[in-house]
Amino acid sequence: MSTPEIDEEGAQKIVDFADSLGYDAHPVDPAYYYIRYMDRGTVETLLSLMRAGLESKALEFLDPLRIGGQSMIDDMEDWLEQAADVTYD
């Protein structure tokens, strides 16, 4: 949930409530984290572009960017795998 206008105390109340429901919630500071809600098609497109970028070897000499890109690819693949299991009635 992205609510950049909420203060730290309010965010902690939401996290505490989510924790009470069994979720593993953590507040993050929007000044440091970009939270973006993307639909499946957007994730698939971004994933394809990131894979192509890594396969092109253009980032070969920039190891931290390559590692970060691969980490994002792994996260997106995991999300897509889990999203495939979700059905709506």
PDB file of N, CA and C in Angstrom:
ATOM      1  N   MET A   1       0.845  -1.164   0.000  1.00  0.00           N
ATOM      2  CA  MET A   1       0.000   0.000   0.000  1.00  0.00           C
ATOM      3  C   MET A   1       0.893   1.230   0.000  1.00  0.00           C
ATOM      4  N   SER A   2       0.650   2.107  -0.913  1.00  0.00           N
ATOM      5  CA  SER A   2       1.459   3.310  -1.018  1.00  0.00           C
ATOM      6  C   SER A   2       0.638   4.502  -0.548  1.00  0.00           C
ATOM      7  N   THR A   3       1.062   5.096   0.550  1.00  0.00           N
ATOM      8  CA  THR A   3       0.392   6.276   1.085  1.00  0.00           C
ATOM      9  C   THR A   3       1.447   7.272   1.530  1.00  0.00           C
ATOM     10  N   PRO A   4       2.081   7.983   0.597  1.00  0.00           N
ATOM     11  CA  PRO A   4       3.180   8.880   0.941  1.00  0.00           C
ATOM     12  C   PRO A   4       2.785  10.010   1.881  1.00  0.00           C
ATOM     13  N   GLU A   5       1.492  10.345   1.939  1.00  0.00           N
ATOM     14  CA  GLU A   5       1.081  11.459   2.780  1.00  0.00           C
ATOM     15  C   GLU A   5       0.878  11.065   4.250  1.00  0.00           C
ATOM     16  N   ILE A   6       0.921   9.795   4.561  1.00  0.00           N
ATOM     17  CA  ILE A   6       0.708   9.345   5.936  1.00  0.00           C
ATOM     18  C   ILE A   6       1.980   9.542   6.764  1.00  0.00           C
ATOM     19  N   ASP A   7       1.805   9.866   8.043  1.00  0.00           N
ATOM     20  CA  ASP A   7       2.987  10.045   8.894  1.00  0.00           C
ATOM     21  C   ASP A   7       3.434   8.690   9.457  1.00  0.00           C
ATOM     22  N   GLU A   8       4.580   8.686  10.094  1.00  0.00           N
ATOM     23  CA  GLU A   8       5.161   7.439  10.589  1.00  0.00           C
ATOM     24  C   GLU A   8       4.251   6.746  11.604  1.00  0.00           C
ATOM     25  N   GLU A   9       3.634   7.516  12.480  1.00  0.00           N
ATOM     26  CA  GLU A   9       2.746   6.934  13.500  1.00  0.00           C
ATOM     27  C   GLU A   9       1.537   6.257  12.843  1.00  0.00           C
ATOM     28  N   GLY A  10       0.952   6.921  11.859  1.00  0.00           N
ATOM     29  CA  GLY A  10      -0.182   6.336  11.148  1.00  0.00           C
ATOM     30  C   GLY A  10       0.204   5.072  10.400  1.00  0.00           C
ATOM     31  N   ALA A  11       1.376   5.104   9.773  1.00  0.00           N
ATOM     32  CA  ALA A  11       1.862   3.923   9.048  1.00  0.00           C
ATOM     33  C   ALA A  11       2.058   2.757  10.011  1.00  0.00           C
ATOM     34  N   GLN A  12       2.594   3.040  11.185  1.00  0.00           N
ATOM     35  CA  GLN A  12       2.829   1.968  12.156  1.00  0.00           C
ATOM     36  C   GLN A  12       1.510   1.361  12.633  1.00  0.00           C
ATOM     37  N   LYS A  13       0.471   2.173  12.765  1.00  0.00           N
ATOM     38  CA  LYS A  13      -0.845   1.654  13.168  1.00  0.00           C
ATOM     39  C   LYS A  13      -1.379   0.684  12.106  1.00  0.00           C
ATOM     40  N   ILE A  14      -1.205   1.053  10.851  1.00  0.00           N
ATOM     41  CA  ILE A  14      -1.660   0.174   9.765  1.00  0.00           C
ATOM     42  C   ILE A  14      -0.861  -1.129   9.771  1.00  0.00           C
ATOM     43  N   VAL A  15       0.440  -1.023   9.964  1.00  0.00           N
ATOM     44  CA  VAL A  15       1.305  -2.203  10.005  1.00  0.00           C
ATOM     45  C   VAL A  15       0.911  -3.099  11.177  1.00  0.00           C
ATOM     46  N   ASP A  16       0.669  -2.505  12.333  1.00  0.00           N
ATOM     47  CA  ASP A  16       0.270  -3.291  13.507  1.00  0.00           C
ATOM     48  C   ASP A  16      -1.035  -4.031  13.245  1.00  0.00           C
ATOM     49  N   PHE A  17      -1.987  -3.350  12.586  1.00  0.00           N
ATOM     50  CA  PHE A  17      -3.256  -3.990  12.254  1.00  0.00           C
ATOM     51  C   PHE A  17      -3.041  -5.145  11.271  1.00  0.00           C
ATOM     52  N   ALA A  18      -2.233  -4.908  10.230  1.00  0.00           N
ATOM     53  CA  ALA A  18      -1.948  -5.963   9.252  1.00  0.00           C
ATOM     54  C   ALA A  18      -1.260  -7.147   9.929  1.00  0.00           C
ATOM     55  N   ASP A  19      -0.331  -6.856  10.829  1.00  0.00           N
ATOM     56  CA  ASP A  19       0.338  -7.928  11.573  1.00  0.00           C
ATOM     57  C   ASP A  19      -0.668  -8.744  12.389  1.00  0.00           C
ATOM     58  N   SER A  20      -1.655  -8.066  12.974  1.00  0.00           N
ATOM     59  CA  SER A  20      -2.657  -8.772  13.787  1.00  0.00           C
ATOM     60  C   SER A  20      -3.508  -9.718  12.940  1.00  0.00           C
ATOM     61  N   LEU A  21      -3.567  -9.458  11.641  1.00  0.00           N
ATOM     62  CA  LEU A  21      -4.308 -10.323  10.717  1.00  0.00           C
ATOM     63  C   LEU A  21      -3.438 -11.435  10.147  1.00  0.00           C
ATOM     64  N   GLY A  22      -2.164 -11.446  10.526  1.00  0.00           N
ATOM     65  CA  GLY A  22      -1.266 -12.498  10.062  1.00  0.00           C
ATOM     66  C   GLY A  22      -0.394 -12.123   8.886  1.00  0.00           C
ATOM     67  N   TYR A  23      -0.453 -10.872   8.446  1.00  0.00           N
ATOM     68  CA  TYR A  23       0.404 -10.427   7.359  1.00  0.00           C
ATOM     69  C   TYR A  23       1.764 -10.016   7.904  1.00  0.00           C
ATOM     70  N   ASP A  24       2.774 -10.140   7.081  1.00  0.00           N
ATOM     71  CA  ASP A  24       4.117  -9.707   7.451  1.00  0.00           C
ATOM     72  C   ASP A  24       4.337  -8.337   6.824  1.00  0.00           C
ATOM     73  N   ALA A  25       3.931  -7.289   7.548  1.00  0.00           N
ATOM     74  CA  ALA A  25       3.951  -5.943   7.001  1.00  0.00           C
ATOM     75  C   ALA A  25       5.123  -5.143   7.556  1.00  0.00           C
ATOM     76  N   HIS A  26       5.624  -4.226   6.729  1.00  0.00           N
ATOM     77  CA  HIS A  26       6.744  -3.369   7.126  1.00  0.00           C
ATOM     78  C   HIS A  26       6.538  -1.990   6.520  1.00  0.00           C
ATOM     79  N   PRO A  27       6.595  -0.946   7.330  1.00  0.00           N
ATOM     80  CA  PRO A  27       6.494   0.391   6.735  1.00  0.00           C
ATOM     81  C   PRO A  27       7.809   0.767   6.047  1.00  0.00           C
ATOM     82  N   VAL A  28       7.699   1.464   4.948  1.00  0.00           N
ATOM     83  CA  VAL A  28       8.890   1.969   4.268  1.00  0.00           C
ATOM     84  C   VAL A  28       8.707   3.461   4.038  1.00  0.00           C
ATOM     85  N   ASP A  29       9.803   4.182   4.056  1.00  0.00           N
ATOM     86  CA  ASP A  29       9.784   5.627   3.879  1.00  0.00           C
ATOM     87  C   ASP A  29       9.734   5.940   2.387  1.00  0.00           C
ATOM     88  N   PRO A  30       8.679   6.638   1.923  1.00  0.00           N
ATOM     89  CA  PRO A  30       8.582   6.940   0.489  1.00  0.00           C
ATOM     90  C   PRO A  30       9.690   7.853  -0.015  1.00  0.00           C
ATOM     91  N   ALA A  31      10.443   8.464   0.892  1.00  0.00           N
ATOM     92  CA  ALA A  31      11.578   9.261   0.456  1.00  0.00           C
ATOM     93  C   ALA A  31      12.712   8.371  -0.052  1.00  0.00           C
ATOM     94  N   TYR A  32      12.676   7.091   0.319  1.00  0.00           N
ATOM     95  CA  TYR A  32      13.731   6.151  -0.068  1.00  0.00           C
ATOM     96  C   TYR A  32      13.239   5.021  -0.962  1.00  0.00           C
ATOM     97  N   TYR A  33      11.930   4.758  -0.978  1.00  0.00           N
ATOM     98  CA  TYR A  33      11.395   3.630  -1.736  1.00  0.00           C
ATOM     99  C   TYR A  33      10.331   4.104  -2.706  1.00  0.00           C
ATOM    100  N   TYR A  34      10.405   3.604  -3.920  1.00  0.00           N
ATOM    101  CA  TYR A  34       9.401   3.894  -4.932  1.00  0.00           C
ATOM    102  C   TYR A  34       8.497   2.675  -5.020  1.00  0.00           C
ATOM    103  N   ILE A  35       7.253   2.874  -4.680  1.00  0.00           N
ATOM    104  CA  ILE A  35       6.293   1.769  -4.719  1.00  0.00           C
ATOM    105  C   ILE A  35       5.364   2.037  -5.891  1.00  0.00           C
ATOM    106  N   ARG A  36       5.313   1.115  -6.804  1.00  0.00           N
ATOM    107  CA  ARG A  36       4.527   1.309  -8.011  1.00  0.00           C
ATOM    108  C   ARG A  36       3.632   0.089  -8.218  1.00  0.00           C
ATOM    109  N   TYR A  37       2.354   0.327  -8.387  1.00  0.00           N
ATOM    110  CA  TYR A  37       1.423  -0.768  -8.655  1.00  0.00           C
ATOM    111  C   TYR A  37       1.361  -0.976 -10.153  1.00  0.00           C
ATOM    112  N   MET A  38       1.737  -2.162 -10.589  1.00  0.00           N
ATOM    113  CA  MET A  38       1.765  -2.460 -12.011  1.00  0.00           C
ATOM    114  C   MET A  38       0.895  -3.680 -12.278  1.00  0.00           C
ATOM    115  N   ASP A  39       0.169  -3.639 -13.371  1.00  0.00           N
ATOM    116  CA  ASP A  39      -0.626  -4.801 -13.734  1.00  0.00           C
ATOM    117  C   ASP A  39       0.279  -5.857 -14.379  1.00  0.00           C
ATOM    118  N   ARG A  40      -0.283  -7.021 -14.569  1.00  0.00           N
ATOM    119  CA  ARG A  40       0.485  -8.153 -15.094  1.00  0.00           C
ATOM    120  C   ARG A  40       1.148  -7.833 -16.427  1.00  0.00           C
ATOM    121  N   GLY A  41       0.413  -7.180 -17.337  1.00  0.00           N
ATOM    122  CA  GLY A  41       0.966  -6.854 -18.647  1.00  0.00           C
ATOM    123  C   GLY A  41       2.162  -5.917 -18.552  1.00  0.00           C
ATOM    124  N   THR A  42       2.093  -4.950 -17.653  1.00  0.00           N
ATOM    125  CA  THR A  42       3.204  -4.026 -17.462  1.00  0.00           C
ATOM    126  C   THR A  42       4.425  -4.759 -16.926  1.00  0.00           C
ATOM    127  N   VAL A  43       4.190  -5.647 -15.954  1.00  0.00           N
ATOM    128  CA  VAL A  43       5.303  -6.420 -15.391  1.00  0.00           C
ATOM    129  C   VAL A  43       5.927  -7.304 -16.462  1.00  0.00           C
ATOM    130  N   GLU A  44       5.096  -7.951 -17.280  1.00  0.00           N
ATOM    131  CA  GLU A  44       5.620  -8.817 -18.341  1.00  0.00           C
ATOM    132  C   GLU A  44       6.444  -8.011 -19.349  1.00  0.00           C
ATOM    133  N   THR A  45       5.972  -6.812 -19.695  1.00  0.00           N
ATOM    134  CA  THR A  45       6.699  -5.961 -20.636  1.00  0.00           C
ATOM    135  C   THR A  45       8.030  -5.513 -20.046  1.00  0.00           C
ATOM    136  N   LEU A  46       7.987  -5.010 -18.822  1.00  0.00           N
ATOM    137  CA  LEU A  46       9.213  -4.578 -18.161  1.00  0.00           C
ATOM    138  C   LEU A  46      10.201  -5.729 -18.010  1.00  0.00           C
ATOM    139  N   LEU A  47       9.699  -6.898 -17.680  1.00  0.00           N
ATOM    140  CA  LEU A  47      10.541  -8.082 -17.550  1.00  0.00           C
ATOM    141  C   LEU A  47      11.220  -8.420 -18.878  1.00  0.00           C
ATOM    142  N   SER A  48      10.480  -8.357 -19.957  1.00  0.00           N
ATOM    143  CA  SER A  48      11.065  -8.632 -21.289  1.00  0.00           C
ATOM    144  C   SER A  48      12.158  -7.632 -21.624  1.00  0.00           C
ATOM    145  N   LEU A  49      11.902  -6.364 -21.340  1.00  0.00           N
ATOM    146  CA  LEU A  49      12.896  -5.328 -21.630  1.00  0.00           C
ATOM    147  C   LEU A  49      14.146  -5.505 -20.757  1.00  0.00           C
ATOM    148  N   MET A  50      13.959  -5.835 -19.501  1.00  0.00           N
ATOM    149  CA  MET A  50      15.110  -6.021 -18.616  1.00  0.00           C
ATOM    150  C   MET A  50      15.931  -7.240 -19.028  1.00  0.00           C
ATOM    151  N   ARG A  51      15.247  -8.323 -19.409  1.00  0.00           N
ATOM    152  CA  ARG A  51      15.969  -9.520 -19.882  1.00  0.00           C
ATOM    153  C   ARG A  51      16.798  -9.181 -21.120  1.00  0.00           C
ATOM    154  N   ALA A  52      16.185  -8.450 -22.056  1.00  0.00           N
ATOM    155  CA  ALA A  52      16.889  -8.075 -23.286  1.00  0.00           C
ATOM    156  C   ALA A  52      18.099  -7.208 -22.969  1.00  0.00           C
ATOM    157  N   GLY A  53      17.943  -6.290 -22.039  1.00  0.00           N
ATOM    158  CA  GLY A  53      19.062  -5.434 -21.651  1.00  0.00           C
ATOM    159  C   GLY A  53      20.214  -6.234 -21.076  1.00  0.00           C
ATOM    160  N   LEU A  54      19.913  -7.194 -20.221  1.00  0.00           N
ATOM    161  CA  LEU A  54      20.985  -8.017 -19.635  1.00  0.00           C
ATOM    162  C   LEU A  54      21.615  -8.933 -20.675  1.00  0.00           C
ATOM    163  N   GLU A  55      20.795  -9.456 -21.580  1.00  0.00           N
ATOM    164  CA  GLU A  55      21.321 -10.350 -22.615  1.00  0.00           C
ATOM    165  C   GLU A  55      22.184  -9.596 -23.622  1.00  0.00           C
ATOM    166  N   SER A  56      21.987  -8.290 -23.754  1.00  0.00           N
ATOM    167  CA  SER A  56      22.750  -7.511 -24.734  1.00  0.00           C
ATOM    168  C   SER A  56      24.193  -7.277 -24.301  1.00  0.00           C
ATOM    169  N   LYS A  57      24.480  -7.572 -23.059  1.00  0.00           N
ATOM    170  CA  LYS A  57      25.823  -7.388 -22.483  1.00  0.00           C
ATOM    171  C   LYS A  57      26.181  -5.909 -22.329  1.00  0.00           C
ATOM    172  N   ALA A  58      25.211  -5.017 -22.533  1.00  0.00           N
ATOM    173  CA  ALA A  58      25.489  -3.582 -22.412  1.00  0.00           C
ATOM    174  C   ALA A  58      25.881  -3.201 -20.989  1.00  0.00           C
ATOM    175  N   LEU A  59      25.412  -3.956 -20.014  1.00  0.00           N
ATOM    176  CA  LEU A  59      25.729  -3.656 -18.612  1.00  0.00           C
ATOM    177  C   LEU A  59      26.862  -4.513 -18.070  1.00  0.00           C
ATOM    178  N   GLU A  60      27.518  -5.241 -18.940  1.00  0.00           N
ATOM    179  CA  GLU A  60      28.537  -6.183 -18.514  1.00  0.00           C
ATOM    180  C   GLU A  60      29.625  -5.536 -17.642  1.00  0.00           C
ATOM    181  N   PHE A  61      29.989  -4.305 -17.966  1.00  0.00           N
ATOM    182  CA  PHE A  61      31.063  -3.641 -17.228  1.00  0.00           C
ATOM    183  C   PHE A  61      30.543  -2.918 -15.977  1.00  0.00           C
ATOM    184  N   LEU A  62      29.226  -2.889 -15.791  1.00  0.00           N
ATOM    185  CA  LEU A  62      28.616  -2.234 -14.628  1.00  0.00           C
ATOM    186  C   LEU A  62      27.997  -3.301 -13.728  1.00  0.00           C
ATOM    187  N   ASP A  63      28.820  -4.026 -13.036  1.00  0.00           N
ATOM    188  CA  ASP A  63      28.365  -5.167 -12.255  1.00  0.00           C
ATOM    189  C   ASP A  63      27.232  -4.844 -11.283  1.00  0.00           C
ATOM    190  N   PRO A  64      27.297  -3.752 -10.518  1.00  0.00           N
ATOM    191  CA  PRO A  64      26.190  -3.471  -9.593  1.00  0.00           C
ATOM    192  C   PRO A  64      24.843  -3.301 -10.308  1.00  0.00           C
ATOM    193  N   LEU A  65      24.852  -2.652 -11.488  1.00  0.00           N
ATOM    194  CA  LEU A  65      23.603  -2.506 -12.241  1.00  0.00           C
ATOM    195  C   LEU A  65      23.123  -3.843 -12.775  1.00  0.00           C
ATOM    196  N   ARG A  66      24.045  -4.662 -13.228  1.00  0.00           N
ATOM    197  CA  ARG A  66      23.680  -5.987 -13.742  1.00  0.00           C
ATOM    198  C   ARG A  66      23.080  -6.836 -12.627  1.00  0.00           C
ATOM    199  N   ILE A  67      23.705  -6.811 -11.461  1.00  0.00           N
ATOM    200  CA  ILE A  67      23.213  -7.592 -10.321  1.00  0.00           C
ATOM    201  C   ILE A  67      21.839  -7.074  -9.878  1.00  0.00           C
ATOM    202  N   GLY A  68      21.698  -5.734  -9.824  1.00  0.00           N
ATOM    203  CA  GLY A  68      20.407  -5.147  -9.455  1.00  0.00           C
ATOM    204  C   GLY A  68      19.328  -5.502 -10.456  1.00  0.00           C
ATOM    205  N   GLY A  69      19.681  -5.466 -11.725  1.00  0.00           N
ATOM    206  CA  GLY A  69      18.721  -5.837 -12.768  1.00  0.00           C
ATOM    207  C   GLY A  69      18.294  -7.286 -12.655  1.00  0.00           C
ATOM    208  N   GLN A  70      19.241  -8.168 -12.395  1.00  0.00           N
ATOM    209  CA  GLN A  70      18.901  -9.584 -12.253  1.00  0.00           C
ATOM    210  C   GLN A  70      18.023  -9.802 -11.026  1.00  0.00           C
ATOM    211  N   SER A  71      18.271  -9.070  -9.971  1.00  0.00           N
ATOM    212  CA  SER A  71      17.451  -9.181  -8.768  1.00  0.00           C
ATOM    213  C   SER A  71      16.009  -8.759  -9.055  1.00  0.00           C
ATOM    214  N   MET A  72      15.843  -7.668  -9.831  1.00  0.00           N
ATOM    215  CA  MET A  72      14.499  -7.222 -10.196  1.00  0.00           C
ATOM    216  C   MET A  72      13.816  -8.243 -11.097  1.00  0.00           C
ATOM    217  N   ILE A  73      14.564  -8.839 -12.005  1.00  0.00           N
ATOM    218  CA  ILE A  73      14.017  -9.885 -12.875  1.00  0.00           C
ATOM    219  C   ILE A  73      13.524 -11.050 -12.032  1.00  0.00           C
ATOM    220  N   ASP A  74      14.337 -11.473 -11.083  1.00  0.00           N
ATOM    221  CA  ASP A  74      13.947 -12.590 -10.212  1.00  0.00           C
ATOM    222  C   ASP A  74      12.676 -12.266  -9.437  1.00  0.00           C
ATOM    223  N   ASP A  75      12.586 -11.034  -8.906  1.00  0.00           N
ATOM    224  CA  ASP A  75      11.389 -10.627  -8.160  1.00  0.00           C
ATOM    225  C   ASP A  75      10.146 -10.645  -9.047  1.00  0.00           C
ATOM    226  N   MET A  76      10.285 -10.126 -10.265  1.00  0.00           N
ATOM    227  CA  MET A  76       9.144 -10.091 -11.178  1.00  0.00           C
ATOM    228  C   MET A  76       8.717 -11.500 -11.587  1.00  0.00           C
ATOM    229  N   GLU A  77       9.696 -12.368 -11.837  1.00  0.00           N
ATOM    230  CA  GLU A  77       9.367 -13.752 -12.197  1.00  0.00           C
ATOM    231  C   GLU A  77       8.642 -14.440 -11.051  1.00  0.00           C
ATOM    232  N   ASP A  78       9.108 -14.219  -9.821  1.00  0.00           N
ATOM    233  CA  ASP A  78       8.431 -14.801  -8.651  1.00  0.00           C
ATOM    234  C   ASP A  78       7.005 -14.283  -8.536  1.00  0.00           C
ATOM    235  N   TRP A  79       6.835 -12.973  -8.729  1.00  0.00           N
ATOM    236  CA  TRP A  79       5.498 -12.390  -8.629  1.00  0.00           C
ATOM    237  C   TRP A  79       4.581 -12.970  -9.702  1.00  0.00           C
ATOM    238  N   LEU A  80       5.073 -13.065 -10.929  1.00  0.00           N
ATOM    239  CA  LEU A  80       4.252 -13.610 -12.009  1.00  0.00           C
ATOM    240  C   LEU A  80       3.871 -15.055 -11.739  1.00  0.00           C
ATOM    241  N   GLU A  81       4.793 -15.815 -11.180  1.00  0.00           N
ATOM    242  CA  GLU A  81       4.511 -17.203 -10.837  1.00  0.00           C
ATOM    243  C   GLU A  81       3.395 -17.287  -9.794  1.00  0.00           C
ATOM    244  N   GLN A  82       3.456 -16.438  -8.787  1.00  0.00           N
ATOM    245  CA  GLN A  82       2.441 -16.438  -7.746  1.00  0.00           C
ATOM    246  C   GLN A  82       1.114 -15.893  -8.281  1.00  0.00           C
ATOM    247  N   ALA A  83       1.189 -14.869  -9.123  1.00  0.00           N
ATOM    248  CA  ALA A  83      -0.017 -14.271  -9.662  1.00  0.00           C
ATOM    249  C   ALA A  83      -0.781 -15.247 -10.540  1.00  0.00           C
ATOM    250  N   ALA A  84      -0.083 -16.168 -11.166  1.00  0.00           N
ATOM    251  CA  ALA A  84      -0.714 -17.170 -12.021  1.00  0.00           C
ATOM    252  C   ALA A  84      -1.613 -18.093 -11.213  1.00  0.00           C
ATOM    253  N   ASP A  85      -1.320 -18.212  -9.915  1.00  0.00           N
ATOM    254  CA  ASP A  85      -2.108 -19.091  -9.049  1.00  0.00           C
ATOM    255  C   ASP A  85      -3.362 -18.415  -8.491  1.00  0.00           C
ATOM    256  N   VAL A  86      -3.495 -17.123  -8.697  1.00  0.00           N
ATOM    257  CA  VAL A  86      -4.626 -16.376  -8.145  1.00  0.00           C
ATOM    258  C   VAL A  86      -5.805 -16.432  -9.105  1.00  0.00           C
ATOM    259  N   THR A  87      -6.963 -16.786  -8.565  1.00  0.00           N
ATOM    260  CA  THR A  87      -8.186 -16.777  -9.356  1.00  0.00           C
ATOM    261  C   THR A  87      -9.228 -15.950  -8.630  1.00  0.00           C
ATOM    262  N   TYR A  88     -10.083 -15.320  -9.380  1.00  0.00           N
ATOM    263  CA  TYR A  88     -11.142 -14.491  -8.806  1.00  0.00           C
ATOM    264  C   TYR A  88     -12.478 -15.120  -9.132  1.00  0.00           C
ATOM    265  N   ASP A  89     -13.366 -15.122  -8.158  1.00  0.00           N
ATOM    266  CA  ASP A  89     -14.715 -15.691  -8.372  1.00  0.00           C
ATOM    267  C   ASP A  89     -15.638 -14.675  -8.987  1.00  0.00           C
TER     268      ASP A  89
END
